[in-house]
PDB file of N, CA and C in Angstrom:
ATOM      1  N   UNK A   1       0.815  -1.188   0.000  1.00  0.00           N
ATOM      2  CA  UNK A   1       0.000   0.000   0.000  1.00  0.00           C
ATOM      3  C   UNK A   1       0.860   1.254   0.000  1.00  0.00           C
ATOM      4  N   UNK A   2       1.976   1.244   0.630  1.00  0.00           N
ATOM      5  CA  UNK A   2       2.849   2.411   0.688  1.00  0.00           C
ATOM      6  C   UNK A   2       3.419   2.784  -0.670  1.00  0.00           C
ATOM      7  N   UNK A   3       3.766   1.775  -1.482  1.00  0.00           N
ATOM      8  CA  UNK A   3       4.322   2.025  -2.807  1.00  0.00           C
ATOM      9  C   UNK A   3       3.274   2.664  -3.716  1.00  0.00           C
ATOM     10  N   UNK A   4       2.053   2.158  -3.669  1.00  0.00           N
ATOM     11  CA  UNK A   4       0.982   2.715  -4.496  1.00  0.00           C
ATOM     12  C   UNK A   4       0.728   4.178  -4.126  1.00  0.00           C
ATOM     13  N   UNK A   5       0.714   4.458  -2.838  1.00  0.00           N
ATOM     14  CA  UNK A   5       0.505   5.831  -2.373  1.00  0.00           C
ATOM     15  C   UNK A   5       1.621   6.740  -2.877  1.00  0.00           C
ATOM     16  N   UNK A   6       2.848   6.271  -2.811  1.00  0.00           N
ATOM     17  CA  UNK A   6       3.989   7.070  -3.263  1.00  0.00           C
ATOM     18  C   UNK A   6       3.891   7.355  -4.758  1.00  0.00           C
ATOM     19  N   UNK A   7       3.497   6.376  -5.553  1.00  0.00           N
ATOM     20  CA  UNK A   7       3.368   6.562  -6.996  1.00  0.00           C
ATOM     21  C   UNK A   7       2.274   7.578  -7.308  1.00  0.00           C
ATOM     22  N   UNK A   8       1.137   7.465  -6.640  1.00  0.00           N
ATOM     23  CA  UNK A   8       0.032   8.403  -6.855  1.00  0.00           C
ATOM     24  C   UNK A   8       0.452   9.810  -6.423  1.00  0.00           C
ATOM     25  N   UNK A   9       1.127   9.939  -5.310  1.00  0.00           N
ATOM     26  CA  UNK A   9       1.563  11.234  -4.812  1.00  0.00           C
ATOM     27  C   UNK A   9       2.557  11.894  -5.763  1.00  0.00           C
ATOM     28  N   UNK A  10       3.553  11.159  -6.199  1.00  0.00           N
ATOM     29  CA  UNK A  10       4.564  11.705  -7.108  1.00  0.00           C
ATOM     30  C   UNK A  10       3.933  12.093  -8.440  1.00  0.00           C
ATOM     31  N   UNK A  11       3.044  11.260  -8.961  1.00  0.00           N
ATOM     32  CA  UNK A  11       2.361  11.581 -10.218  1.00  0.00           C
ATOM     33  C   UNK A  11       1.525  12.844 -10.079  1.00  0.00           C
ATOM     34  N   UNK A  12       0.803  12.954  -8.997  1.00  0.00           N
ATOM     35  CA  UNK A  12      -0.018  14.141  -8.766  1.00  0.00           C
ATOM     36  C   UNK A  12       0.811  15.406  -8.657  1.00  0.00           C
ATOM     37  N   UNK A  13       1.935  15.329  -7.955  1.00  0.00           N
ATOM     38  CA  UNK A  13       2.805  16.490  -7.821  1.00  0.00           C
ATOM     39  C   UNK A  13       3.410  16.898  -9.166  1.00  0.00           C
ATOM     40  N   UNK A  14       3.801  15.913  -9.973  1.00  0.00           N
ATOM     41  CA  UNK A  14       4.357  16.200 -11.299  1.00  0.00           C
ATOM     42  C   UNK A  14       3.316  16.878 -12.177  1.00  0.00           C
ATOM     43  N   UNK A  15       2.109  16.345 -12.195  1.00  0.00           N
ATOM     44  CA  UNK A  15       1.047  16.923 -13.024  1.00  0.00           C
ATOM     45  C   UNK A  15       0.694  18.332 -12.572  1.00  0.00           C
ATOM     46  N   UNK A  16       0.631  18.560 -11.282  1.00  0.00           N
ATOM     47  CA  UNK A  16       0.299  19.888 -10.765  1.00  0.00           C
ATOM     48  C   UNK A  16       1.419  20.890 -11.069  1.00  0.00           C
ATOM     49  N   UNK A  17       2.658  20.474 -10.915  1.00  0.00           N
ATOM     50  CA  UNK A  17       3.794  21.355 -11.144  1.00  0.00           C
ATOM     51  C   UNK A  17       3.920  21.750 -12.612  1.00  0.00           C
ATOM     52  N   UNK A  18       3.467  20.891 -13.524  1.00  0.00           N
ATOM     53  CA  UNK A  18       3.606  21.120 -14.962  1.00  0.00           C
ATOM     54  C   UNK A  18       2.264  21.367 -15.645  1.00  0.00           C
ATOM     55  N   UNK A  19       1.307  21.891 -14.909  1.00  0.00           N
ATOM     56  CA  UNK A  19      -0.048  22.113 -15.430  1.00  0.00           C
ATOM     57  C   UNK A  19      -0.046  22.984 -16.685  1.00  0.00           C
ATOM     58  N   UNK A  20       0.720  24.078 -16.697  1.00  0.00           N
ATOM     59  CA  UNK A  20       0.763  24.968 -17.855  1.00  0.00           C
ATOM     60  C   UNK A  20       1.206  24.226 -19.112  1.00  0.00           C
ATOM     61  N   UNK A  21       2.203  23.359 -18.966  1.00  0.00           N
ATOM     62  CA  UNK A  21       2.697  22.588 -20.111  1.00  0.00           C
ATOM     63  C   UNK A  21       1.612  21.676 -20.665  1.00  0.00           C
ATOM     64  N   UNK A  22       0.915  20.972 -19.800  1.00  0.00           N
ATOM     65  CA  UNK A  22      -0.101  20.037 -20.264  1.00  0.00           C
ATOM     66  C   UNK A  22      -1.305  20.754 -20.869  1.00  0.00           C
ATOM     67  N   UNK A  23      -1.660  21.926 -20.350  1.00  0.00           N
ATOM     68  CA  UNK A  23      -2.753  22.700 -20.939  1.00  0.00           C
ATOM     69  C   UNK A  23      -2.366  23.205 -22.327  1.00  0.00           C
ATOM     70  N   UNK A  24      -1.142  23.677 -22.495  1.00  0.00           N
ATOM     71  CA  UNK A  24      -0.673  24.130 -23.802  1.00  0.00           C
ATOM     72  C   UNK A  24      -0.543  22.958 -24.765  1.00  0.00           C
ATOM     73  N   UNK A  25      -0.197  21.799 -24.250  1.00  0.00           N
ATOM     74  CA  UNK A  25      -0.027  20.609 -25.069  1.00  0.00           C
ATOM     75  C   UNK A  25      -1.344  20.135 -25.673  1.00  0.00           C
ATOM     76  N   UNK A  26      -2.450  20.382 -24.983  1.00  0.00           N
ATOM     77  CA  UNK A  26      -3.759  19.999 -25.515  1.00  0.00           C
ATOM     78  C   UNK A  26      -4.110  20.818 -26.749  1.00  0.00           C
ATOM     79  N   UNK A  27      -3.640  22.067 -26.811  1.00  0.00           N
ATOM     80  CA  UNK A  27      -3.936  22.949 -27.938  1.00  0.00           C
ATOM     81  C   UNK A  27      -3.018  22.680 -29.124  1.00  0.00           C
ATOM     82  N   UNK A  28      -1.774  22.340 -28.863  1.00  0.00           N
ATOM     83  CA  UNK A  28      -0.794  22.088 -29.919  1.00  0.00           C
ATOM     84  C   UNK A  28      -0.609  20.587 -30.061  1.00  0.00           C
ATOM     85  N   UNK A  29      -1.147  20.024 -31.110  1.00  0.00           N
ATOM     86  CA  UNK A  29      -1.080  18.575 -31.301  1.00  0.00           C
ATOM     87  C   UNK A  29      -0.081  18.185 -32.382  1.00  0.00           C
ATOM     88  N   UNK A  30       0.888  19.048 -32.659  1.00  0.00           N
ATOM     89  CA  UNK A  30       1.899  18.765 -33.678  1.00  0.00           C
ATOM     90  C   UNK A  30       2.841  17.650 -33.247  1.00  0.00           C
ATOM     91  N   UNK A  31       3.730  17.299 -34.149  1.00  0.00           N
ATOM     92  CA  UNK A  31       4.699  16.227 -33.911  1.00  0.00           C
ATOM     93  C   UNK A  31       5.881  16.738 -33.088  1.00  0.00           C
ATOM     94  N   UNK A  32       6.420  15.855 -32.240  1.00  0.00           N
ATOM     95  CA  UNK A  32       7.620  16.177 -31.477  1.00  0.00           C
ATOM     96  C   UNK A  32       8.823  16.099 -32.400  1.00  0.00           C
ATOM     97  N   UNK A  33       9.746  17.046 -32.258  1.00  0.00           N
ATOM     98  CA  UNK A  33      10.959  17.061 -33.064  1.00  0.00           C
ATOM     99  C   UNK A  33      12.164  17.245 -32.150  1.00  0.00           C
ATOM    100  N   UNK A  34      13.169  16.380 -32.330  1.00  0.00           N
ATOM    101  CA  UNK A  34      14.397  16.484 -31.541  1.00  0.00           C
ATOM    102  C   UNK A  34      15.193  17.684 -32.043  1.00  0.00           C
ATOM    103  N   UNK A  35      15.597  18.568 -31.138  1.00  0.00           N
ATOM    104  CA  UNK A  35      16.356  19.766 -31.509  1.00  0.00           C
ATOM    105  C   UNK A  35      17.719  19.815 -30.836  1.00  0.00           C
ATOM    106  N   UNK A  36      18.027  18.848 -30.004  1.00  0.00           N
ATOM    107  CA  UNK A  36      19.287  18.870 -29.275  1.00  0.00           C
ATOM    108  C   UNK A  36      19.203  19.788 -28.070  1.00  0.00           C
ATOM    109  N   UNK A  37      20.255  19.849 -27.302  1.00  0.00           N
ATOM    110  CA  UNK A  37      20.266  20.675 -26.090  1.00  0.00           C
ATOM    111  C   UNK A  37      20.290  22.145 -26.466  1.00  0.00           C
ATOM    112  N   UNK A  38      19.266  22.873 -26.036  1.00  0.00           N
ATOM    113  CA  UNK A  38      19.212  24.310 -26.259  1.00  0.00           C
ATOM    114  C   UNK A  38      18.398  24.969 -25.163  1.00  0.00           C
ATOM    115  N   UNK A  39      18.569  26.257 -25.023  1.00  0.00           N
ATOM    116  CA  UNK A  39      17.835  27.000 -23.999  1.00  0.00           C
ATOM    117  C   UNK A  39      16.344  26.970 -24.316  1.00  0.00           C
ATOM    118  N   UNK A  40      15.496  26.923 -23.298  1.00  0.00           N
ATOM    119  CA  UNK A  40      14.057  26.918 -23.557  1.00  0.00           C
ATOM    120  C   UNK A  40      13.612  28.231 -24.197  1.00  0.00           C
ATOM    121  N   UNK A  41      12.737  28.161 -25.214  1.00  0.00           N
ATOM    122  CA  UNK A  41      12.243  29.387 -25.851  1.00  0.00           C
ATOM    123  C   UNK A  41      11.455  30.236 -24.857  1.00  0.00           C
ATOM    124  N   UNK A  42      11.613  31.533 -24.950  1.00  0.00           N
ATOM    125  CA  UNK A  42      10.961  32.447 -24.010  1.00  0.00           C
ATOM    126  C   UNK A  42       9.451  32.487 -24.188  1.00  0.00           C
ATOM    127  N   UNK A  43       8.954  32.244 -25.401  1.00  0.00           N
ATOM    128  CA  UNK A  43       7.526  32.380 -25.663  1.00  0.00           C
ATOM    129  C   UNK A  43       6.771  31.059 -25.602  1.00  0.00           C
ATOM    130  N   UNK A  44       7.412  30.019 -25.107  1.00  0.00           N
ATOM    131  CA  UNK A  44       6.778  28.705 -25.050  1.00  0.00           C
ATOM    132  C   UNK A  44       6.850  28.135 -23.635  1.00  0.00           C
ATOM    133  N   UNK A  45       5.852  27.327 -23.295  1.00  0.00           N
ATOM    134  CA  UNK A  45       5.855  26.604 -22.030  1.00  0.00           C
ATOM    135  C   UNK A  45       6.607  25.306 -22.272  1.00  0.00           C
ATOM    136  N   UNK A  46       7.517  24.952 -21.370  1.00  0.00           N
ATOM    137  CA  UNK A  46       8.301  23.736 -21.577  1.00  0.00           C
ATOM    138  C   UNK A  46       8.650  23.069 -20.251  1.00  0.00           C
ATOM    139  N   UNK A  47       8.971  21.790 -20.358  1.00  0.00           N
ATOM    140  CA  UNK A  47       9.520  21.050 -19.224  1.00  0.00           C
ATOM    141  C   UNK A  47      11.009  20.931 -19.509  1.00  0.00           C
ATOM    142  N   UNK A  48      11.813  21.472 -18.626  1.00  0.00           N
ATOM    143  CA  UNK A  48      13.251  21.551 -18.880  1.00  0.00           C
ATOM    144  C   UNK A  48      14.026  20.493 -18.113  1.00  0.00           C
ATOM    145  N   UNK A  49      15.221  20.263 -18.598  1.00  0.00           N
ATOM    146  CA  UNK A  49      16.202  19.442 -17.912  1.00  0.00           C
ATOM    147  C   UNK A  49      17.241  20.407 -17.357  1.00  0.00           C
ATOM    148  N   UNK A  50      17.583  20.280 -16.082  1.00  0.00           N
ATOM    149  CA  UNK A  50      18.501  21.219 -15.442  1.00  0.00           C
ATOM    150  C   UNK A  50      19.838  20.537 -15.203  1.00  0.00           C
ATOM    151  N   UNK A  51      20.910  21.179 -15.650  1.00  0.00           N
ATOM    152  CA  UNK A  51      22.259  20.688 -15.395  1.00  0.00           C
ATOM    153  C   UNK A  51      22.586  20.989 -13.939  1.00  0.00           C
ATOM    154  N   UNK A  52      22.822  19.968 -13.098  1.00  0.00           N
ATOM    155  CA  UNK A  52      23.053  20.216 -11.675  1.00  0.00           C
ATOM    156  C   UNK A  52      24.355  20.962 -11.382  1.00  0.00           C
ATOM    157  N   UNK A  53      25.321  20.885 -12.286  1.00  0.00           N
ATOM    158  CA  UNK A  53      26.594  21.564 -12.059  1.00  0.00           C
ATOM    159  C   UNK A  53      26.513  23.058 -12.349  1.00  0.00           C
ATOM    160  N   UNK A  54      25.782  23.430 -13.406  1.00  0.00           N
ATOM    161  CA  UNK A  54      25.728  24.833 -13.824  1.00  0.00           C
ATOM    162  C   UNK A  54      24.402  25.502 -13.484  1.00  0.00           C
ATOM    163  N   UNK A  55      23.357  24.709 -13.289  1.00  0.00           N
ATOM    164  CA  UNK A  55      22.034  25.263 -13.028  1.00  0.00           C
ATOM    165  C   UNK A  55      21.310  25.714 -14.288  1.00  0.00           C
ATOM    166  N   UNK A  56      21.928  25.539 -15.452  1.00  0.00           N
ATOM    167  CA  UNK A  56      21.308  25.952 -16.710  1.00  0.00           C
ATOM    168  C   UNK A  56      20.191  24.980 -17.096  1.00  0.00           C
ATOM    169  N   UNK A  57      19.145  25.546 -17.695  1.00  0.00           N
ATOM    170  CA  UNK A  57      18.009  24.749 -18.143  1.00  0.00           C
ATOM    171  C   UNK A  57      18.119  24.490 -19.643  1.00  0.00           C
ATOM    172  N   UNK A  58      17.747  23.280 -20.053  1.00  0.00           N
ATOM    173  CA  UNK A  58      17.793  22.899 -21.454  1.00  0.00           C
ATOM    174  C   UNK A  58      16.510  22.178 -21.840  1.00  0.00           C
ATOM    175  N   UNK A  59      16.189  22.256 -23.133  1.00  0.00           N
ATOM    176  CA  UNK A  59      15.151  21.411 -23.712  1.00  0.00           C
ATOM    177  C   UNK A  59      15.821  20.579 -24.803  1.00  0.00           C
ATOM    178  N   UNK A  60      15.230  19.440 -25.125  1.00  0.00           N
ATOM    179  CA  UNK A  60      15.763  18.580 -26.170  1.00  0.00           C
ATOM    180  C   UNK A  60      14.756  18.326 -27.278  1.00  0.00           C
ATOM    181  N   UNK A  61      13.483  18.511 -26.991  1.00  0.00           N
ATOM    182  CA  UNK A  61      12.412  18.296 -27.963  1.00  0.00           C
ATOM    183  C   UNK A  61      11.484  19.489 -27.974  1.00  0.00           C
ATOM    184  N   UNK A  62      10.953  19.821 -29.140  1.00  0.00           N
ATOM    185  CA  UNK A  62       9.900  20.829 -29.264  1.00  0.00           C
ATOM    186  C   UNK A  62       8.766  20.217 -30.073  1.00  0.00           C
ATOM    187  N   UNK A  63       7.593  20.751 -29.864  1.00  0.00           N
ATOM    188  CA  UNK A  63       6.433  20.288 -30.609  1.00  0.00           C
ATOM    189  C   UNK A  63       6.136  21.314 -31.689  1.00  0.00           C
ATOM    190  N   UNK A  64       6.221  20.874 -32.928  1.00  0.00           N
ATOM    191  CA  UNK A  64       5.964  21.768 -34.055  1.00  0.00           C
ATOM    192  C   UNK A  64       4.469  21.957 -34.207  1.00  0.00           C
ATOM    193  N   UNK A  65       4.045  23.193 -34.467  1.00  0.00           N
ATOM    194  CA  UNK A  65       2.627  23.508 -34.611  1.00  0.00           C
ATOM    195  C   UNK A  65       2.052  22.867 -35.860  1.00  0.00           C
ATOM    196  N   UNK A  66       0.774  22.553 -35.762  1.00  0.00           N
ATOM    197  CA  UNK A  66       0.065  22.000 -36.932  1.00  0.00           C
ATOM    198  C   UNK A  66      -0.252  23.096 -37.904  1.00  0.00           C
TER     199      UNK A  66
END
């Protein structure tokens, strides 16, 4: 029972923390395209990967508009 609770809790926290991304994702249904490591675009909502050594944020995929 403890493992199930932990999975539900972590999933809920992830979804709540990234709500803006998922709401924007419902509107943009384009294909994902690999772009390599680059800074997140200022005009887009994104889920970033953070380099723990430098603190810099990166994205690796973008969704192209339909």
